[in-house]
Amino acid sequence: MIVRVVTLGCKVNQYESASIVAALQAKNIDASEGLEFADAYVLNTCSVTAEADRKSRQYITKMRKLNHDCKIIVVGCSSQNNNSAFAKSNVIAIGGTHNKSGFVCEIIDKISSINNENILDDRILYDKNTLNIDKIRQYCSENHAKSNKTRAFIKIQDGCNRFCNYCIIPYLRGRSRSRFIADVKKECENVISKEIVLTGIDVSSYGKDTGESLAKLFRALKNVNARKRLSSLECEAIDRELLDAMQEGGFCPHFHLSLQSGSDEVLRTMNRRYNAEFYLSKIDLIREYYSLAAITTDIIVGYPTETDDLFDEGYDFIKRCAFADIHVFPYSKRSGTLASKKYDVLPSDTVKEREGRLLALKTRLKDDFIQKNLGVVAPVYVETAHNVDYSVGYTPNYLKVYSHAACGDIVNLQLCKPYLDGILGE
């Protein structure tokens, strides 16, 4: 049987998809990631926005076009949020966010006996309240670690206790749970990729439930023979202890600090629990340690409480932060969140106009960051071939570098001049 796993959404989903593939391969099943012909597909969905839900459902049609008779198993946040939307799509089984690899293996074992005429009797939905951290810890396996991808994602935490007023994810992923340092270290030591990214739904809360901490984890990974990165962080996690541990552990100076808005009033109505000046103080501290740190962020544009004046206030603050890059997301009303109950959405023309201004600012700030790095000699992990002339890799502060260096190596390159969406290196 040929099984292909298709992933939407965050780095945690990418990790969990890799775990599904590893679990299936351990059963001698031809399993891999990607959208190509297969007997069965696993769709690992995302629900962070309404658009993510829509894209998740669209993949059912894409899979049917590749193989009209294929079996489709759906898991992830979108199916946890609204399993009925997928039950109408003639899929054979629907799981949620709990124990994805175990669920998929169970269904694949039974797949020969599942009759598509009886899908509603055969589908299974794990309730989010049954989430079990021990199921997450079992992903610390040799099969998963043997991934030959250039960058390995290692899940250190799941769930979220923050309950931002616009976000549905805590309701779908459950409360924050952390893996123990020993488990994470074992998995990292088995990875053969040259770069590791530690990821989670709320990495900043790592260790609060186990008595450990991110700083202790960073120090424990000091001797792991790979370049190490972090995924998204909340600004309150940044302090001298954490930054000292990052330097000691050899972590890359790339910080994705979710901001969401530069307006104090909008932050308050989002339930973000910090103000703009506090956030900026954390950026200043990072740059005290790493002068060329890449600080990137997420911005929600068009939040219902965002007036013209508050948008302008946030826009000016974003300029002050001098981000290396910005991910801009139009506000998405998510049923079940406090924001969806309390506020009406803004006119779409208003949101689009503000989004356009932020995207233009994103381009200017990214260009400014590239200029600051010109002339620097940096170790570039050369990952893929861009075309016959150039290969593509990334610096520790995640600048995209085009060069003639061989793929698969970490090479010292001088960053010479802007090129396409990055820099030419020699």
Protein backbone atom coordinates (compact mmCIF):
# COMPACT_ATOMS: atom_id res chain seq x y z
CA MET A 1 0.00 0.00 0.00
CA ILE A 2 1.19 3.50 -0.86
CA VAL A 3 0.37 6.20 1.71
CA ARG A 4 1.11 9.90 1.29
CA VAL A 5 0.80 12.48 4.08
CA VAL A 6 -0.16 16.06 3.21
CA THR A 7 0.46 18.81 5.76
CA LEU A 8 -1.03 22.25 6.22
CA GLY A 9 -0.15 24.83 8.85
CA CYS A 10 2.50 25.14 11.49
CA LYS A 11 5.84 23.52 12.24
CA VAL A 12 4.16 21.39 14.91
CA ASN A 13 2.00 19.87 12.20
CA GLN A 14 5.12 19.24 10.11
CA TYR A 15 6.67 17.40 13.04
CA GLU A 16 3.53 15.36 13.62
CA SER A 17 3.30 14.46 9.93
CA ALA A 18 6.90 13.24 10.03
CA SER A 19 5.94 11.14 13.06
CA ILE A 20 3.01 9.64 11.13
CA VAL A 21 5.32 8.73 8.25
CA ALA A 22 7.87 7.18 10.61
CA ALA A 23 5.21 5.13 12.36
CA LEU A 24 3.88 3.81 9.04
CA GLN A 25 7.37 3.04 7.73
CA ALA A 26 8.02 1.05 10.90
CA LYS A 27 5.12 -1.16 9.77
CA ASN A 28 6.84 -1.64 6.37
CA ILE A 29 4.35 0.61 4.58
CA ASP A 30 5.46 2.75 1.64
CA ALA A 31 4.80 6.11 3.33
CA SER A 32 6.15 9.59 2.67
CA GLU A 33 5.06 13.22 2.63
CA GLY A 34 3.75 14.94 -0.49
CA LEU A 35 0.79 15.16 -2.81
CA GLU A 36 1.22 12.48 -5.47
CA PHE A 37 -0.58 9.29 -6.47
CA ALA A 38 -1.31 7.01 -3.52
CA ASP A 39 -3.71 4.32 -2.37
CA ALA A 40 -4.38 6.25 0.82
CA TYR A 41 -3.83 9.83 1.96
CA VAL A 42 -3.48 11.35 5.40
CA LEU A 43 -4.56 15.00 5.47
CA ASN A 44 -3.06 16.83 8.47
CA THR A 45 -5.18 19.96 8.68
CA CYS A 46 -4.89 23.50 10.07
CA SER A 47 -7.57 25.75 11.58
CA VAL A 48 -5.68 28.90 12.57
CA THR A 49 -7.80 30.95 10.14
CA ALA A 50 -10.99 30.43 8.12
CA GLU A 51 -8.76 30.35 5.02
CA ALA A 52 -6.76 27.49 6.54
CA ASP A 53 -9.99 25.55 7.09
CA ARG A 54 -11.01 26.17 3.46
CA LYS A 55 -7.63 25.04 2.11
CA SER A 56 -7.77 21.92 4.27
CA ARG A 57 -11.09 20.92 2.70
CA GLN A 58 -9.83 21.72 -0.81
CA TYR A 59 -7.15 19.07 -0.51
CA ILE A 60 -9.82 16.36 -0.48
CA THR A 61 -10.67 17.30 -4.08
CA LYS A 62 -6.99 17.37 -5.07
CA MET A 63 -6.48 13.89 -3.67
CA ARG A 64 -9.54 12.53 -5.52
CA LYS A 65 -8.18 13.94 -8.78
CA LEU A 66 -4.97 11.97 -8.30
CA ASN A 67 -6.81 8.76 -7.38
CA HIS A 68 -10.59 8.69 -7.51
CA ASP A 69 -10.69 5.47 -5.47
CA CYS A 70 -8.23 6.55 -2.78
CA LYS A 71 -8.88 6.23 0.95
CA ILE A 72 -8.58 9.50 2.86
CA ILE A 73 -7.91 9.90 6.59
CA VAL A 74 -8.24 13.39 8.08
CA VAL A 75 -6.55 14.56 11.29
CA GLY A 76 -5.55 17.87 12.85
CA CYS A 77 -6.98 21.12 14.10
CA SER A 78 -9.55 21.70 11.35
CA SER A 79 -11.14 18.28 11.81
CA GLN A 80 -10.97 18.71 15.59
CA ASN A 81 -12.77 22.03 15.16
CA ASN A 82 -15.44 20.84 12.72
CA ASN A 83 -15.38 17.14 11.90
CA SER A 84 -18.77 17.31 10.15
CA ALA A 85 -17.25 19.44 7.36
CA PHE A 86 -15.06 16.45 6.43
CA ALA A 87 -17.66 13.75 7.08
CA LYS A 88 -19.52 15.10 4.06
CA SER A 89 -16.46 14.54 1.87
CA ASN A 90 -16.61 10.73 1.79
CA VAL A 91 -13.45 10.22 3.86
CA ILE A 92 -12.98 6.95 5.71
CA ALA A 93 -11.88 8.25 9.12
CA ILE A 94 -11.66 11.54 10.97
CA GLY A 95 -9.28 12.13 13.86
CA GLY A 96 -8.44 15.28 15.77
CA THR A 97 -5.28 16.61 17.41
CA HIS A 98 -4.71 13.66 19.76
CA ASN A 99 -2.17 10.90 19.02
CA LYS A 100 -2.22 11.39 15.27
CA SER A 101 0.30 8.67 14.41
CA GLY A 102 -1.43 6.09 16.59
CA PHE A 103 -4.81 6.95 15.11
CA VAL A 104 -3.55 6.76 11.51
CA CYS A 105 -1.80 3.42 12.11
CA GLU A 106 -4.98 2.03 13.63
CA ILE A 107 -7.02 3.05 10.59
CA ILE A 108 -4.42 1.83 8.07
CA ASP A 109 -4.45 -1.56 9.83
CA LYS A 110 -8.22 -1.74 9.32
CA ILE A 111 -8.37 -0.07 5.93
CA SER A 112 -8.92 -3.22 3.89
CA SER A 113 -12.13 -3.92 5.80
CA ILE A 114 -13.50 -0.37 5.80
CA ASN A 115 -16.40 0.08 3.43
CA ASN A 116 -16.78 3.58 2.02
CA GLU A 117 -20.54 3.09 2.08
CA ASN A 118 -20.37 3.11 5.89
CA ILE A 119 -18.05 6.01 6.56
CA LEU A 120 -20.21 7.63 9.20
CA ASP A 121 -20.21 4.42 11.21
CA ASP A 122 -16.46 3.97 10.84
CA ARG A 123 -15.14 7.46 11.45
CA ILE A 124 -13.47 8.12 14.80
CA LEU A 125 -13.00 11.49 16.47
CA TYR A 126 -10.74 11.72 19.52
CA ASP A 127 -11.99 14.40 21.86
CA LYS A 128 -9.49 17.11 22.75
CA ASN A 129 -10.05 16.37 26.44
CA THR A 130 -8.35 12.99 25.99
CA LEU A 131 -5.03 14.56 24.96
CA ASN A 132 -2.23 12.64 26.60
CA ILE A 133 1.32 13.95 26.88
CA ASP A 134 2.67 10.39 27.06
CA LYS A 135 1.50 9.90 23.49
CA ILE A 136 3.55 12.92 22.47
CA ARG A 137 6.63 11.69 24.29
CA GLN A 138 6.59 8.41 22.42
CA TYR A 139 7.53 10.31 19.24
CA CYS A 140 11.09 10.28 20.59
CA SER A 141 11.83 7.40 18.26
CA GLU A 142 14.68 6.29 16.04
CA ASN A 143 12.31 6.03 13.09
CA HIS A 144 11.37 9.69 13.31
CA ALA A 145 14.95 10.75 13.93
CA LYS A 146 16.14 9.10 10.72
CA SER A 147 14.44 11.69 8.54
CA ASN A 148 16.85 12.84 5.84
CA LYS A 149 15.36 16.32 5.47
CA THR A 150 17.74 19.25 5.57
CA ARG A 151 15.95 20.68 8.61
CA ALA A 152 14.43 18.55 11.38
CA PHE A 153 11.55 19.87 13.47
CA ILE A 154 11.54 18.63 17.06
CA LYS A 155 8.33 19.09 19.02
CA ILE A 156 9.08 20.02 22.63
CA GLN A 157 5.62 21.16 23.75
CA ASP A 158 1.94 21.08 22.80
CA GLY A 159 -1.17 23.02 23.78
CA CYS A 160 -1.69 26.57 25.01
CA ASN A 161 -3.03 28.25 28.16
CA ARG A 162 -3.08 31.81 26.83
CA PHE A 163 -6.56 32.03 25.31
CA CYS A 164 -5.98 35.15 23.22
CA ASN A 165 -9.41 36.48 22.35
CA TYR A 166 -9.05 35.84 18.60
CA CYS A 167 -7.50 32.35 18.71
CA ILE A 168 -9.22 28.97 18.45
CA ILE A 169 -6.10 26.82 18.90
CA PRO A 170 -6.20 26.40 22.74
CA TYR A 171 -9.68 24.92 22.36
CA LEU A 172 -8.40 22.43 19.79
CA ARG A 173 -4.96 21.53 21.16
CA GLY A 174 -5.77 21.55 24.87
CA ARG A 175 -3.69 22.83 27.75
CA SER A 176 0.07 23.29 27.62
CA ARG A 177 2.14 20.12 28.10
CA SER A 178 5.93 19.81 27.87
CA ARG A 179 8.23 16.92 27.05
CA PHE A 180 11.04 16.25 29.49
CA ILE A 181 14.52 17.47 28.58
CA ALA A 182 15.86 13.92 28.52
CA ASP A 183 13.28 12.94 25.88
CA VAL A 184 14.03 15.96 23.71
CA LYS A 185 17.78 15.48 24.01
CA LYS A 186 17.55 11.82 23.01
CA GLU A 187 15.59 12.68 19.88
CA CYS A 188 17.93 15.53 18.93
CA GLU A 189 20.96 13.28 19.32
CA ASN A 190 19.45 10.81 16.83
CA VAL A 191 18.69 13.40 14.16
CA ILE A 192 20.91 13.20 11.09
CA SER A 193 19.84 16.57 9.68
CA LYS A 194 22.36 19.38 10.01
CA GLU A 195 19.80 21.76 11.49
CA ILE A 196 17.19 21.30 14.23
CA VAL A 197 14.22 23.55 14.93
CA LEU A 198 12.62 23.27 18.37
CA THR A 199 8.92 23.87 17.98
CA GLY A 200 5.62 23.77 19.84
CA ILE A 201 2.26 25.48 20.05
CA ASP A 202 3.50 27.77 22.84
CA VAL A 203 7.23 27.19 23.20
CA SER A 204 7.46 30.03 25.75
CA SER A 205 5.53 27.95 28.28
CA TYR A 206 7.96 25.03 27.98
CA GLY A 207 8.79 23.41 31.31
CA LYS A 208 6.24 25.27 33.44
CA ASP A 209 4.36 22.01 33.99
CA THR A 210 7.46 19.84 34.56
CA GLY A 211 9.72 22.06 36.68
CA GLU A 212 12.18 22.43 33.78
CA SER A 213 12.79 25.44 31.54
CA LEU A 214 13.88 26.54 28.08
CA ALA A 215 17.21 27.75 29.48
CA LYS A 216 17.92 24.30 30.97
CA LEU A 217 16.93 22.67 27.69
CA PHE A 218 19.25 24.90 25.66
CA ARG A 219 22.19 24.06 27.90
CA ALA A 220 21.36 20.35 27.73
CA LEU A 221 21.56 20.48 23.91
CA LYS A 222 24.94 22.22 23.89
CA ASN A 223 26.81 19.21 22.50
CA VAL A 224 24.20 18.13 19.95
CA ASN A 225 26.00 18.09 16.61
CA ALA A 226 23.58 20.23 14.59
CA ARG A 227 22.71 23.86 14.11
CA LYS A 228 19.83 24.73 16.43
CA ARG A 229 16.92 27.14 16.04
CA LEU A 230 13.75 28.09 17.88
CA SER A 231 10.31 28.58 16.41
CA SER A 232 7.93 31.28 17.63
CA LEU A 233 8.28 32.78 21.13
CA GLU A 234 6.26 35.16 23.26
CA CYS A 235 8.17 38.28 24.29
CA GLU A 236 7.94 37.64 28.04
CA ALA A 237 10.15 34.54 27.61
CA ILE A 238 13.12 36.77 26.71
CA ASP A 239 15.44 37.49 29.62
CA ARG A 240 19.16 37.35 30.34
CA GLU A 241 19.03 33.77 31.60
CA LEU A 242 17.43 32.61 28.34
CA LEU A 243 19.84 34.57 26.13
CA ASP A 244 22.87 33.38 28.10
CA ALA A 245 21.65 29.80 27.65
CA MET A 246 21.07 30.32 23.93
CA GLN A 247 24.64 31.50 23.49
CA GLU A 248 25.98 28.64 25.60
CA GLY A 249 23.84 26.11 23.69
CA GLY A 250 24.89 27.42 20.29
CA PHE A 251 21.46 28.52 19.08
CA CYS A 252 20.97 30.67 15.98
CA PRO A 253 20.20 34.39 16.53
CA HIS A 254 16.75 34.29 14.92
CA PHE A 255 13.82 35.26 17.14
CA HIS A 256 10.25 35.06 15.91
CA LEU A 257 8.45 37.13 18.55
CA SER A 258 4.71 37.27 17.97
CA LEU A 259 3.51 40.87 18.32
CA GLN A 260 0.04 40.84 16.66
CA SER A 261 -0.42 44.60 17.10
CA GLY A 262 1.72 47.62 17.96
CA SER A 263 -1.22 49.39 19.64
CA ASP A 264 -1.60 49.03 23.40
CA GLU A 265 -5.39 49.29 23.17
CA VAL A 266 -5.64 46.61 20.50
CA LEU A 267 -3.27 44.37 22.47
CA ARG A 268 -5.50 44.80 25.53
CA THR A 269 -8.63 43.80 23.63
CA MET A 270 -6.75 40.85 22.16
CA ASN A 271 -5.84 39.70 25.70
CA ARG A 272 -2.15 39.70 24.79
CA ARG A 273 -0.97 40.63 28.35
CA TYR A 274 1.90 42.99 27.43
CA ASN A 275 2.22 46.47 26.00
CA ALA A 276 4.29 47.81 23.15
CA GLU A 277 7.08 49.30 25.26
CA PHE A 278 7.55 46.03 27.16
CA TYR A 279 7.83 44.22 23.83
CA LEU A 280 10.37 46.77 22.56
CA SER A 281 12.47 46.34 25.71
CA LYS A 282 12.81 42.65 24.85
CA ILE A 283 13.99 43.51 21.33
CA ASP A 284 16.58 45.87 22.80
CA LEU A 285 17.80 43.11 25.11
CA ILE A 286 18.16 40.66 22.22
CA ARG A 287 20.18 43.18 20.23
CA GLU A 288 22.42 43.73 23.24
CA TYR A 289 23.42 40.07 22.87
CA TYR A 290 23.21 39.74 19.08
CA SER A 291 23.72 42.95 17.08
CA LEU A 292 22.54 41.34 13.83
CA ALA A 293 19.80 39.15 15.27
CA ALA A 294 16.89 38.56 12.92
CA ILE A 295 13.74 39.52 14.80
CA THR A 296 10.61 38.57 12.89
CA THR A 297 6.98 38.75 13.90
CA ASP A 298 3.30 38.14 13.16
CA ILE A 299 0.83 41.00 12.78
CA ILE A 300 -2.95 40.65 12.70
CA VAL A 301 -4.37 43.46 10.59
CA GLY A 302 -7.99 44.55 10.85
CA TYR A 303 -8.72 43.30 14.35
CA PRO A 304 -12.26 44.53 15.19
CA THR A 305 -11.08 47.11 17.76
CA GLU A 306 -8.43 48.56 15.41
CA THR A 307 -9.50 52.10 14.49
CA ASP A 308 -7.63 54.17 11.91
CA ASP A 309 -5.73 55.95 14.67
CA LEU A 310 -4.85 52.69 16.44
CA PHE A 311 -3.66 51.17 13.16
CA ASP A 312 -1.40 54.21 12.61
CA GLU A 313 -0.08 53.85 16.18
CA GLY A 314 0.73 50.21 15.54
CA TYR A 315 2.28 50.97 12.15
CA ASP A 316 4.66 53.50 13.68
CA PHE A 317 5.63 51.06 16.42
CA ILE A 318 6.41 48.33 13.89
CA LYS A 319 8.81 50.73 12.15
CA ARG A 320 10.54 51.38 15.49
CA CYS A 321 11.08 47.65 16.00
CA ALA A 322 12.96 47.37 12.68
CA PHE A 323 11.89 43.78 12.08
CA ALA A 324 13.82 41.59 9.67
CA ASP A 325 10.53 40.30 8.31
CA ILE A 326 6.80 40.42 9.09
CA HIS A 327 4.06 37.88 8.50
CA VAL A 328 0.83 39.82 7.95
CA PHE A 329 -2.51 38.09 8.55
CA PRO A 330 -5.94 39.68 8.05
CA TYR A 331 -8.12 39.08 11.11
CA SER A 332 -10.11 35.85 10.81
CA LYS A 333 -13.29 35.49 12.84
CA ARG A 334 -13.19 32.11 14.58
CA SER A 335 -16.46 30.81 15.99
CA GLY A 336 -16.18 30.04 19.70
CA THR A 337 -13.63 32.73 20.52
CA LEU A 338 -14.40 35.75 22.69
CA ALA A 339 -13.65 38.16 19.82
CA SER A 340 -16.20 36.45 17.58
CA LYS A 341 -18.89 36.88 20.25
CA LYS A 342 -18.02 40.43 21.23
CA TYR A 343 -17.07 42.26 18.02
CA ASP A 344 -18.26 42.79 14.47
CA VAL A 345 -15.65 42.49 11.72
CA LEU A 346 -14.31 45.58 9.97
CA PRO A 347 -15.19 46.36 6.34
CA SER A 348 -13.09 44.24 3.97
CA ASP A 349 -11.91 47.30 2.00
CA THR A 350 -10.52 48.82 5.20
CA VAL A 351 -8.68 45.62 6.08
CA LYS A 352 -7.24 45.25 2.56
CA GLU A 353 -5.97 48.84 2.54
CA ARG A 354 -4.23 48.37 5.88
CA GLU A 355 -2.85 45.01 4.80
CA GLY A 356 -1.35 46.64 1.71
CA ARG A 357 0.38 49.30 3.80
CA LEU A 358 1.86 46.68 6.14
CA LEU A 359 3.07 44.53 3.24
CA ALA A 360 4.83 47.57 1.77
CA LEU A 361 6.42 48.24 5.17
CA LYS A 362 7.45 44.59 5.40
CA THR A 363 9.36 44.93 2.12
CA ARG A 364 11.16 48.10 3.26
CA LEU A 365 12.15 46.62 6.62
CA LYS A 366 13.37 43.40 5.03
CA ASP A 367 15.47 45.40 2.56
CA ASP A 368 16.92 47.44 5.44
CA PHE A 369 17.90 44.25 7.29
CA ILE A 370 19.60 42.88 4.19
CA GLN A 371 21.60 46.10 3.86
CA LYS A 372 22.80 45.79 7.46
CA ASN A 373 24.23 42.35 6.69
CA LEU A 374 26.13 43.24 3.52
CA GLY A 375 29.84 42.55 3.84
CA VAL A 376 29.38 40.08 6.68
CA VAL A 377 31.01 36.64 6.45
CA ALA A 378 28.45 34.09 7.68
CA PRO A 379 28.20 30.28 7.88
CA VAL A 380 25.51 29.40 5.33
CA TYR A 381 23.76 26.05 5.38
CA VAL A 382 23.41 25.37 1.64
CA GLU A 383 20.25 23.31 1.34
CA THR A 384 18.85 23.18 -2.19
CA ALA A 385 19.56 24.02 -5.83
CA HIS A 386 17.74 27.17 -7.00
CA ASN A 387 18.61 26.70 -10.67
CA VAL A 388 21.62 25.68 -12.76
CA ASP A 389 23.48 28.79 -11.61
CA TYR A 390 22.76 29.07 -7.89
CA SER A 391 22.14 27.02 -4.79
CA VAL A 392 20.16 28.36 -1.84
CA GLY A 393 20.94 28.33 1.87
CA TYR A 394 20.42 30.27 5.07
CA THR A 395 22.61 32.15 7.51
CA PRO A 396 22.19 31.63 11.27
CA ASN A 397 20.00 34.77 11.32
CA TYR A 398 17.92 33.22 8.54
CA LEU A 399 18.88 35.35 5.57
CA LYS A 400 18.38 33.56 2.28
CA VAL A 401 21.67 33.31 0.41
CA TYR A 402 22.20 32.45 -3.26
CA SER A 403 25.65 31.10 -4.11
CA HIS A 404 27.67 28.58 -6.11
CA ALA A 405 28.43 26.49 -3.00
CA ALA A 406 27.66 22.77 -2.99
CA CYS A 407 24.39 21.66 -1.43
CA GLY A 408 24.49 19.85 1.89
CA ASP A 409 27.38 21.80 3.39
CA ILE A 410 27.71 24.66 5.85
CA VAL A 411 30.05 27.11 4.11
CA ASN A 412 31.45 30.49 5.15
CA LEU A 413 30.28 33.02 2.57
CA GLN A 414 30.61 36.75 2.28
CA LEU A 415 27.23 38.44 1.85
CA CYS A 416 27.83 40.66 -1.17
CA LYS A 417 24.69 42.28 -2.55
CA PRO A 418 20.89 41.97 -2.58
CA TYR A 419 19.53 39.34 -4.97
CA LEU A 420 15.89 38.39 -5.51
CA ASP A 421 14.45 37.80 -2.01
CA GLY A 422 17.85 37.45 -0.34
CA ILE A 423 21.58 38.04 -0.82
CA LEU A 424 24.29 36.82 -3.15
CA GLY A 425 27.11 35.06 -1.31
CA GLU A 426 30.68 34.42 -2.39
